[in-house]
Amino acid sequence: MNNFIFQNPTKLVFGKGQIAKLRKLIPTDKKVMITYGGGSIFKNGVYDQVKEALKNHTVTEFGGIEPNPEYETLMHCVTECREKEIDYLLAVGGGSVIDGTKFVATALKWEGDPWAFLEKPIPVTEAVPLATVLTIAATGSEMNNGSVISRRERKEKRFFFNDACYPQFSILDPTVLYSLPQKQVANGVIDTFIHVLEQYVTFDNQAYVQDYWAEGILKTLVNIAPKLMENQHDYDNCSNFMYAATMALNGFIAMGVAQDWATHMIGQELTALHGLDHGVTLAIVYPGVASVMREDKREKLLQYGERVFGINQGSDDERIEQVIVATEKFFRSLGVGTRLSDYGIGEETINEIARRFEERKFMLGEKGNITPDIVKEILHHVK
């Protein structure tokens, strides 16, 4: 197991009716900006619950944060926050709203053009305090310090980390998942699943606790996903899904282990260039990564296959092929395509993604050995 330092300051407030606790969790002397997305919180009752809980606070709102939050939109929010002297942000939504709010919180403390800390790995260490009311289980952004932002005019998608962007608290009420479109549930399951694989299917770090945690999350998702597709109103299944998504990317399974993230980096480019849902891009890319990098991942692919899917018959090569097929079959069972051709994407995009990684001098994977040429090979594998 590798050396590590771990700290996660986010308080989780989990369960039915917990949104009402906002009244005590945010000090009444704060000027609060509520941020949200396309307005689903008005239909599912979350908005009314939040407003009722904060009726004794000074509150303003900023809506319209897009899926894959857009830099220009967020900069409008930054301007409004400065004009209104906002000193507390409450993100009410899914990962995109939370990521966007983390950017706003950081930009409010940044001097100069905020795109600078997205374009280059410039350290950021300050932010306006923020908290979240989660409405979509997927990204784990409710309990981590990361954020991914899009800039559509440039067809780019970039990320940053800021320890000051750990939410002070996050409210997770599983009943908010009842009204989600099935497509969002499927995307959330895939996003959570790949978050775990990026941290787990690398090479053996002799980190037994982290491996069993990771496998527990994966097995939970394999077990409950078909049930969620049939019935989104089962509280226990929604609870386990929501908690799995948080646990997948809050640092717990990352302690002391190698991490990959090639699937996410390649997938982000597919979103930037074609606007595909994040979960869709991951379902496309991961089978390619696992296939092309199978020698580097051999031991963990075999372990993953046996412990999660029960694959233990045949030669090692046969078992690895079976686990890649099983993973892809799982994604397709959720109604998501796993080939570029499913979405009309071809050679031009493959070449452009490789060119971008060449230009940025990116070397991906847990060993830093996935070159732009190997990225092309991965994408050709799932063409």
Protein backbone atom coordinates (compact mmCIF):
# COMPACT_ATOMS: atom_id res chain seq x y z
CA MET A 1 0.00 0.00 0.00
CA ASN A 2 1.30 3.47 -0.91
CA ASN A 3 1.82 6.27 1.59
CA PHE A 4 -1.14 8.62 1.90
CA ILE A 5 -2.66 11.48 3.88
CA PHE A 6 -6.44 11.47 4.14
CA GLN A 7 -8.90 14.10 5.28
CA ASN A 8 -12.49 14.67 4.29
CA PRO A 9 -14.26 17.43 6.20
CA THR A 10 -17.71 17.13 4.57
CA LYS A 11 -20.59 16.30 6.91
CA LEU A 12 -23.19 13.98 5.37
CA VAL A 13 -26.80 14.53 6.43
CA PHE A 14 -28.59 11.46 5.05
CA GLY A 15 -32.23 10.39 4.86
CA LYS A 16 -35.84 11.42 4.49
CA GLY A 17 -36.83 14.90 5.57
CA GLN A 18 -33.27 16.09 6.17
CA ILE A 19 -33.58 19.19 3.95
CA ALA A 20 -35.40 20.87 6.83
CA LYS A 21 -32.12 20.87 8.76
CA LEU A 22 -30.77 23.60 6.49
CA ARG A 23 -32.21 26.17 8.88
CA LYS A 24 -29.67 25.17 11.52
CA LEU A 25 -26.78 24.13 9.29
CA ILE A 26 -26.28 27.53 7.63
CA PRO A 27 -25.73 30.53 9.96
CA THR A 28 -28.48 33.12 9.66
CA ASP A 29 -25.99 35.97 9.26
CA LYS A 30 -24.80 34.59 5.89
CA LYS A 31 -25.92 35.98 2.54
CA VAL A 32 -26.82 32.78 0.70
CA MET A 33 -26.91 32.20 -3.04
CA ILE A 34 -28.90 29.09 -4.04
CA THR A 35 -27.62 27.64 -7.31
CA TYR A 36 -29.54 25.12 -9.39
CA GLY A 37 -29.93 23.76 -12.90
CA GLY A 38 -32.81 23.47 -15.31
CA GLY A 39 -35.64 23.73 -12.85
CA SER A 40 -36.44 20.13 -11.88
CA ILE A 41 -36.25 21.20 -8.23
CA PHE A 42 -39.48 23.14 -8.77
CA LYS A 43 -41.27 19.97 -9.92
CA ASN A 44 -40.04 17.52 -7.29
CA GLY A 45 -40.68 19.76 -4.28
CA VAL A 46 -37.03 20.25 -3.34
CA TYR A 47 -37.11 23.99 -4.04
CA ASP A 48 -40.06 24.53 -1.70
CA GLN A 49 -38.36 22.53 1.04
CA VAL A 50 -35.15 24.54 0.70
CA LYS A 51 -36.96 27.89 0.70
CA GLU A 52 -39.00 26.94 3.72
CA ALA A 53 -35.92 25.86 5.63
CA LEU A 54 -34.13 29.12 4.77
CA LYS A 55 -37.05 31.50 5.33
CA ASN A 56 -35.15 33.31 8.07
CA HIS A 57 -32.00 33.69 5.97
CA THR A 58 -31.04 36.30 3.38
CA VAL A 59 -31.33 34.30 0.15
CA THR A 60 -30.93 34.97 -3.57
CA GLU A 61 -30.91 32.50 -6.45
CA PHE A 62 -29.07 31.66 -9.65
CA GLY A 63 -30.54 29.04 -11.97
CA GLY A 64 -29.78 27.61 -15.37
CA ILE A 65 -26.49 25.82 -14.67
CA GLU A 66 -26.21 23.31 -17.47
CA PRO A 67 -25.27 19.64 -17.51
CA ASN A 68 -21.50 19.85 -18.01
CA PRO A 69 -21.56 23.35 -16.49
CA GLU A 70 -20.63 26.12 -18.90
CA TYR A 71 -17.88 28.60 -18.03
CA GLU A 72 -19.75 31.60 -19.44
CA THR A 73 -22.89 30.82 -17.41
CA LEU A 74 -20.85 30.40 -14.25
CA MET A 75 -19.07 33.71 -14.81
CA HIS A 76 -22.51 35.41 -14.84
CA CYS A 77 -23.10 33.81 -11.45
CA VAL A 78 -19.73 35.09 -10.20
CA THR A 79 -20.72 38.61 -11.25
CA GLU A 80 -24.07 38.38 -9.45
CA CYS A 81 -22.44 37.04 -6.31
CA ARG A 82 -19.99 39.93 -6.23
CA GLU A 83 -22.74 42.48 -6.79
CA LYS A 84 -24.84 41.01 -3.98
CA GLU A 85 -21.87 40.38 -1.66
CA ILE A 86 -22.70 36.69 -1.33
CA ASP A 87 -20.68 34.87 1.32
CA TYR A 88 -22.27 31.40 1.24
CA LEU A 89 -23.23 29.16 -1.70
CA LEU A 90 -25.80 26.37 -1.58
CA ALA A 91 -25.79 24.05 -4.59
CA VAL A 92 -29.17 22.35 -5.03
CA GLY A 93 -28.82 19.76 -7.76
CA GLY A 94 -26.58 17.05 -9.15
CA GLY A 95 -22.90 16.93 -9.96
CA SER A 96 -22.98 19.61 -12.62
CA VAL A 97 -24.61 22.16 -10.33
CA ILE A 98 -22.21 21.25 -7.53
CA ASP A 99 -19.16 21.38 -9.80
CA GLY A 100 -20.30 24.72 -11.18
CA THR A 101 -20.84 26.06 -7.69
CA LYS A 102 -17.34 24.97 -6.67
CA PHE A 103 -15.99 26.94 -9.60
CA VAL A 104 -17.99 30.02 -8.59
CA ALA A 105 -16.80 29.66 -4.98
CA THR A 106 -13.18 29.50 -6.16
CA ALA A 107 -13.50 32.26 -8.77
CA LEU A 108 -14.88 34.66 -6.14
CA LYS A 109 -11.54 34.42 -4.32
CA TRP A 110 -9.39 34.47 -7.48
CA GLU A 111 -7.73 37.58 -8.87
CA GLY A 112 -7.63 37.65 -12.65
CA ASP A 113 -9.17 35.34 -15.27
CA PRO A 114 -10.47 32.17 -13.56
CA TRP A 115 -9.93 30.13 -16.72
CA ALA A 116 -6.24 30.23 -15.79
CA PHE A 117 -6.60 27.65 -13.01
CA LEU A 118 -8.60 25.40 -15.33
CA GLU A 119 -6.27 25.64 -18.29
CA LYS A 120 -3.10 24.95 -16.30
CA PRO A 121 -2.51 23.11 -13.00
CA ILE A 122 -2.30 26.28 -10.93
CA PRO A 123 -2.91 25.60 -7.21
CA VAL A 124 -6.11 27.07 -5.79
CA THR A 125 -6.59 27.06 -2.03
CA GLU A 126 -9.38 29.54 -1.27
CA ALA A 127 -13.15 29.53 -1.83
CA VAL A 128 -16.36 30.98 -0.49
CA PRO A 129 -17.97 28.40 1.84
CA LEU A 130 -20.43 26.08 0.12
CA ALA A 131 -22.83 23.24 0.88
CA THR A 132 -25.08 21.01 -1.19
CA VAL A 133 -28.52 19.48 -1.37
CA LEU A 134 -28.02 16.51 -3.69
CA THR A 135 -30.74 15.68 -6.22
CA ILE A 136 -28.92 13.26 -8.56
CA ALA A 137 -26.64 10.40 -7.49
CA ALA A 138 -23.65 10.07 -9.79
CA THR A 139 -20.54 12.18 -9.48
CA GLY A 140 -19.66 12.11 -5.78
CA SER A 141 -19.02 15.86 -6.01
CA GLU A 142 -21.08 16.28 -2.84
CA MET A 143 -18.17 14.88 -0.80
CA ASN A 144 -14.99 15.74 -2.67
CA ASN A 145 -12.87 18.73 -3.68
CA GLY A 146 -12.97 18.34 -7.47
CA SER A 147 -14.85 20.09 -10.25
CA VAL A 148 -15.14 19.71 -14.04
CA ILE A 149 -16.10 22.72 -16.19
CA SER A 150 -16.91 23.03 -19.91
CA ARG A 151 -16.18 25.88 -22.30
CA ARG A 152 -18.28 25.18 -25.35
CA GLU A 153 -16.91 28.02 -27.48
CA ARG A 154 -13.57 26.20 -27.36
CA LYS A 155 -15.03 22.69 -27.20
CA GLU A 156 -12.99 22.07 -24.07
CA LYS A 157 -13.69 20.42 -20.74
CA ARG A 158 -11.26 21.01 -17.85
CA PHE A 159 -11.00 20.12 -14.17
CA PHE A 160 -9.49 21.50 -10.98
CA PHE A 161 -9.14 20.57 -7.30
CA ASN A 162 -9.42 22.89 -4.33
CA ASP A 163 -9.43 21.68 -0.72
CA ALA A 164 -11.50 24.73 0.18
CA CYS A 165 -14.24 23.30 -2.07
CA TYR A 166 -15.10 20.33 0.08
CA PRO A 167 -18.75 21.10 0.89
CA GLN A 168 -19.20 21.99 4.55
CA PHE A 169 -22.14 19.60 4.51
CA SER A 170 -24.25 17.71 1.99
CA ILE A 171 -27.87 16.71 2.44
CA LEU A 172 -28.73 13.39 0.79
CA ASP A 173 -32.44 12.55 0.74
CA PRO A 174 -32.92 9.40 -1.38
CA THR A 175 -36.57 10.24 -2.10
CA VAL A 176 -35.45 12.97 -4.53
CA LEU A 177 -34.37 10.18 -6.90
CA TYR A 178 -37.96 9.02 -7.34
CA SER A 179 -38.73 11.63 -9.99
CA LEU A 180 -35.53 11.40 -12.04
CA PRO A 181 -35.74 10.39 -15.72
CA GLN A 182 -34.55 6.81 -16.13
CA LYS A 183 -31.76 8.05 -18.39
CA GLN A 184 -30.26 10.02 -15.51
CA VAL A 185 -30.41 7.02 -13.22
CA ALA A 186 -28.60 4.90 -15.83
CA ASN A 187 -25.94 7.56 -16.34
CA GLY A 188 -25.49 7.86 -12.59
CA VAL A 189 -25.02 4.13 -12.14
CA ILE A 190 -22.41 4.04 -14.91
CA ASP A 191 -20.58 7.12 -13.61
CA THR A 192 -20.40 5.60 -10.13
CA PHE A 193 -19.30 2.22 -11.50
CA ILE A 194 -16.46 3.73 -13.54
CA HIS A 195 -15.35 5.94 -10.66
CA VAL A 196 -14.70 2.75 -8.74
CA LEU A 197 -12.99 0.94 -11.63
CA GLU A 198 -10.63 3.90 -12.18
CA GLN A 199 -9.35 3.46 -8.63
CA TYR A 200 -9.58 -0.32 -8.36
CA VAL A 201 -8.68 -1.99 -11.68
CA THR A 202 -5.06 -0.84 -11.91
CA PHE A 203 -2.42 -3.11 -10.34
CA ASP A 204 -2.18 -4.89 -7.02
CA ASN A 205 -1.28 -2.42 -4.26
CA GLN A 206 -1.78 -4.98 -1.48
CA ALA A 207 -4.54 -2.67 -0.22
CA TYR A 208 -7.04 -5.28 0.91
CA VAL A 209 -9.49 -2.99 2.71
CA GLN A 210 -9.72 -0.61 -0.24
CA ASP A 211 -10.22 -3.52 -2.65
CA TYR A 212 -13.08 -4.97 -0.62
CA TRP A 213 -14.67 -1.54 -0.26
CA ALA A 214 -14.45 -1.05 -4.03
CA GLU A 215 -15.85 -4.51 -4.76
CA GLY A 216 -18.67 -3.92 -2.31
CA ILE A 217 -19.71 -0.78 -4.17
CA LEU A 218 -19.50 -2.54 -7.55
CA LYS A 219 -21.52 -5.54 -6.36
CA THR A 220 -24.11 -3.21 -4.84
CA LEU A 221 -24.55 -1.46 -8.20
CA VAL A 222 -24.77 -4.72 -10.15
CA ASN A 223 -27.41 -5.93 -7.70
CA ILE A 224 -29.61 -2.85 -7.50
CA ALA A 225 -29.32 -1.43 -11.03
CA PRO A 226 -31.98 -3.73 -12.58
CA LYS A 227 -34.29 -2.99 -9.64
CA LEU A 228 -33.81 0.75 -10.08
CA MET A 229 -34.62 0.45 -13.77
CA GLU A 230 -37.89 -1.28 -12.86
CA ASN A 231 -38.88 0.78 -9.83
CA GLN A 232 -37.35 4.10 -8.80
CA HIS A 233 -39.65 4.42 -5.78
CA ASP A 234 -37.99 1.80 -3.60
CA TYR A 235 -36.44 3.76 -0.75
CA ASP A 236 -33.83 1.16 0.19
CA ASN A 237 -32.55 0.77 -3.36
CA CYS A 238 -32.41 4.53 -3.84
CA SER A 239 -30.60 4.89 -0.51
CA ASN A 240 -27.98 2.33 -1.46
CA PHE A 241 -27.51 3.91 -4.88
CA MET A 242 -27.12 7.42 -3.47
CA TYR A 243 -24.67 6.28 -0.81
CA ALA A 244 -22.69 4.18 -3.31
CA ALA A 245 -22.25 7.20 -5.58
CA THR A 246 -20.92 9.27 -2.68
CA MET A 247 -18.58 6.55 -1.43
CA ALA A 248 -17.21 5.94 -4.93
CA LEU A 249 -15.43 9.28 -5.10
CA ASN A 250 -14.94 10.73 -1.63
CA GLY A 251 -11.39 9.44 -1.22
CA PHE A 252 -12.11 6.33 0.85
CA ILE A 253 -11.27 3.74 -1.80
CA ALA A 254 -8.43 5.88 -3.21
CA MET A 255 -6.24 5.76 -0.10
CA GLY A 256 -2.86 4.19 -0.80
CA VAL A 257 -3.71 2.83 -4.27
CA ALA A 258 -2.74 3.64 -7.85
CA GLN A 259 -5.41 5.38 -9.93
CA ASP A 260 -6.10 5.35 -13.65
CA TRP A 261 -8.62 8.02 -14.88
CA ALA A 262 -7.82 7.46 -18.57
CA THR A 263 -11.47 6.60 -19.26
CA HIS A 264 -12.59 9.89 -17.75
CA MET A 265 -9.98 11.96 -19.56
CA ILE A 266 -10.86 10.45 -22.94
CA GLY A 267 -14.59 10.56 -22.19
CA GLN A 268 -14.42 14.25 -21.33
CA GLU A 269 -13.20 14.95 -24.86
CA LEU A 270 -16.18 13.09 -26.34
CA THR A 271 -18.48 15.30 -24.28
CA ALA A 272 -16.61 18.44 -25.26
CA LEU A 273 -16.71 17.59 -28.97
CA HIS A 274 -20.15 15.98 -29.26
CA GLY A 275 -22.12 16.87 -26.13
CA LEU A 276 -22.62 13.23 -25.12
CA ASP A 277 -23.75 12.58 -21.56
CA HIS A 278 -20.80 11.92 -19.27
CA GLY A 279 -22.06 8.45 -18.32
CA VAL A 280 -22.47 7.54 -21.98
CA THR A 281 -18.86 8.46 -22.78
CA LEU A 282 -17.60 6.29 -19.93
CA ALA A 283 -19.63 3.29 -21.11
CA ILE A 284 -18.07 3.67 -24.54
CA VAL A 285 -14.46 4.21 -23.50
CA TYR A 286 -13.95 1.79 -20.58
CA PRO A 287 -14.21 -1.48 -22.55
CA GLY A 288 -11.55 -0.09 -24.89
CA VAL A 289 -9.24 0.86 -22.04
CA ALA A 290 -9.64 -2.54 -20.37
CA SER A 291 -9.03 -4.38 -23.65
CA VAL A 292 -5.99 -2.42 -24.82
CA MET A 293 -4.39 -2.16 -21.37
CA ARG A 294 -5.25 -5.70 -20.26
CA GLU A 295 -1.63 -6.71 -19.66
CA ASP A 296 -1.03 -3.81 -17.27
CA LYS A 297 -4.34 -4.57 -15.52
CA ARG A 298 -4.23 -8.37 -15.78
CA GLU A 299 -4.21 -9.26 -12.09
CA LYS A 300 -6.90 -6.80 -11.10
CA LEU A 301 -9.13 -7.62 -14.09
CA LEU A 302 -9.07 -11.27 -13.01
CA GLN A 303 -9.85 -10.29 -9.41
CA TYR A 304 -12.64 -7.94 -10.53
CA GLY A 305 -14.16 -10.64 -12.73
CA GLU A 306 -14.15 -13.27 -10.00
CA ARG A 307 -15.28 -11.14 -7.06
CA VAL A 308 -17.89 -8.98 -8.81
CA PHE A 309 -19.23 -11.13 -11.67
CA GLY A 310 -18.27 -14.60 -10.40
CA ILE A 311 -16.09 -15.31 -13.46
CA ASN A 312 -13.66 -18.08 -12.47
CA GLN A 313 -13.68 -20.60 -15.33
CA GLY A 314 -11.26 -20.78 -18.27
CA SER A 315 -7.76 -19.52 -18.92
CA ASP A 316 -6.66 -16.11 -17.67
CA ASP A 317 -7.06 -14.62 -21.14
CA GLU A 318 -10.52 -16.14 -21.52
CA ARG A 319 -11.58 -14.83 -18.11
CA ILE A 320 -10.34 -11.33 -18.90
CA GLU A 321 -12.31 -11.34 -22.12
CA GLN A 322 -15.38 -12.53 -20.21
CA VAL A 323 -15.14 -9.73 -17.66
CA ILE A 324 -14.82 -7.06 -20.36
CA VAL A 325 -17.88 -8.51 -22.09
CA ALA A 326 -19.77 -8.68 -18.77
CA THR A 327 -18.96 -5.04 -18.02
CA GLU A 328 -20.15 -3.94 -21.44
CA LYS A 329 -23.28 -6.08 -21.13
CA PHE A 330 -24.02 -4.42 -17.77
CA PHE A 331 -23.84 -0.97 -19.36
CA ARG A 332 -26.05 -2.02 -22.26
CA SER A 333 -28.61 -3.46 -19.82
CA LEU A 334 -29.09 0.13 -18.65
CA GLY A 335 -30.03 1.24 -22.16
CA VAL A 336 -26.70 2.88 -22.99
CA GLY A 337 -24.65 2.32 -26.16
CA THR A 338 -21.04 1.18 -25.83
CA ARG A 339 -19.67 1.97 -29.28
CA LEU A 340 -18.76 5.24 -30.98
CA SER A 341 -20.82 4.09 -33.96
CA ASP A 342 -23.91 3.99 -31.72
CA TYR A 343 -23.65 7.79 -31.70
CA GLY A 344 -22.40 8.41 -35.23
CA ILE A 345 -18.83 9.19 -34.15
CA GLY A 346 -15.93 8.16 -36.35
CA GLU A 347 -12.32 8.64 -37.39
CA GLU A 348 -12.26 12.44 -37.38
CA THR A 349 -13.08 12.57 -33.67
CA ILE A 350 -10.56 9.84 -32.83
CA ASN A 351 -7.81 11.81 -34.54
CA GLU A 352 -8.82 15.07 -32.88
CA ILE A 353 -8.79 13.57 -29.39
CA ALA A 354 -5.34 12.09 -29.97
CA ARG A 355 -4.15 15.46 -31.33
CA ARG A 356 -5.38 17.23 -28.20
CA PHE A 357 -3.55 14.85 -25.90
CA GLU A 358 -0.41 15.24 -28.02
CA GLU A 359 -0.70 19.03 -27.83
CA ARG A 360 -1.18 18.95 -24.05
CA LYS A 361 1.57 16.33 -23.65
CA PHE A 362 -0.81 14.11 -21.69
CA MET A 363 0.29 10.61 -20.69
CA LEU A 364 -2.63 8.77 -19.14
CA GLY A 365 -3.21 5.72 -16.95
CA GLU A 366 -1.99 4.49 -13.60
CA LYS A 367 1.51 4.03 -15.03
CA GLY A 368 1.50 7.15 -17.18
CA ASN A 369 2.10 5.00 -20.24
CA ILE A 370 -1.05 5.62 -22.30
CA THR A 371 0.30 7.75 -25.13
CA PRO A 372 -1.84 9.64 -27.68
CA ASP A 373 -1.25 6.74 -30.10
CA ILE A 374 -2.59 4.29 -27.51
CA VAL A 375 -5.60 6.59 -27.01
CA LYS A 376 -6.27 6.18 -30.73
CA GLU A 377 -5.98 2.41 -30.35
CA ILE A 378 -8.43 2.46 -27.46
CA LEU A 379 -10.97 4.46 -29.46
CA HIS A 380 -10.53 2.29 -32.54
CA HIS A 381 -11.28 -0.73 -30.34
CA VAL A 382 -14.72 0.73 -29.48
CA LYS A 383 -15.38 2.26 -32.89
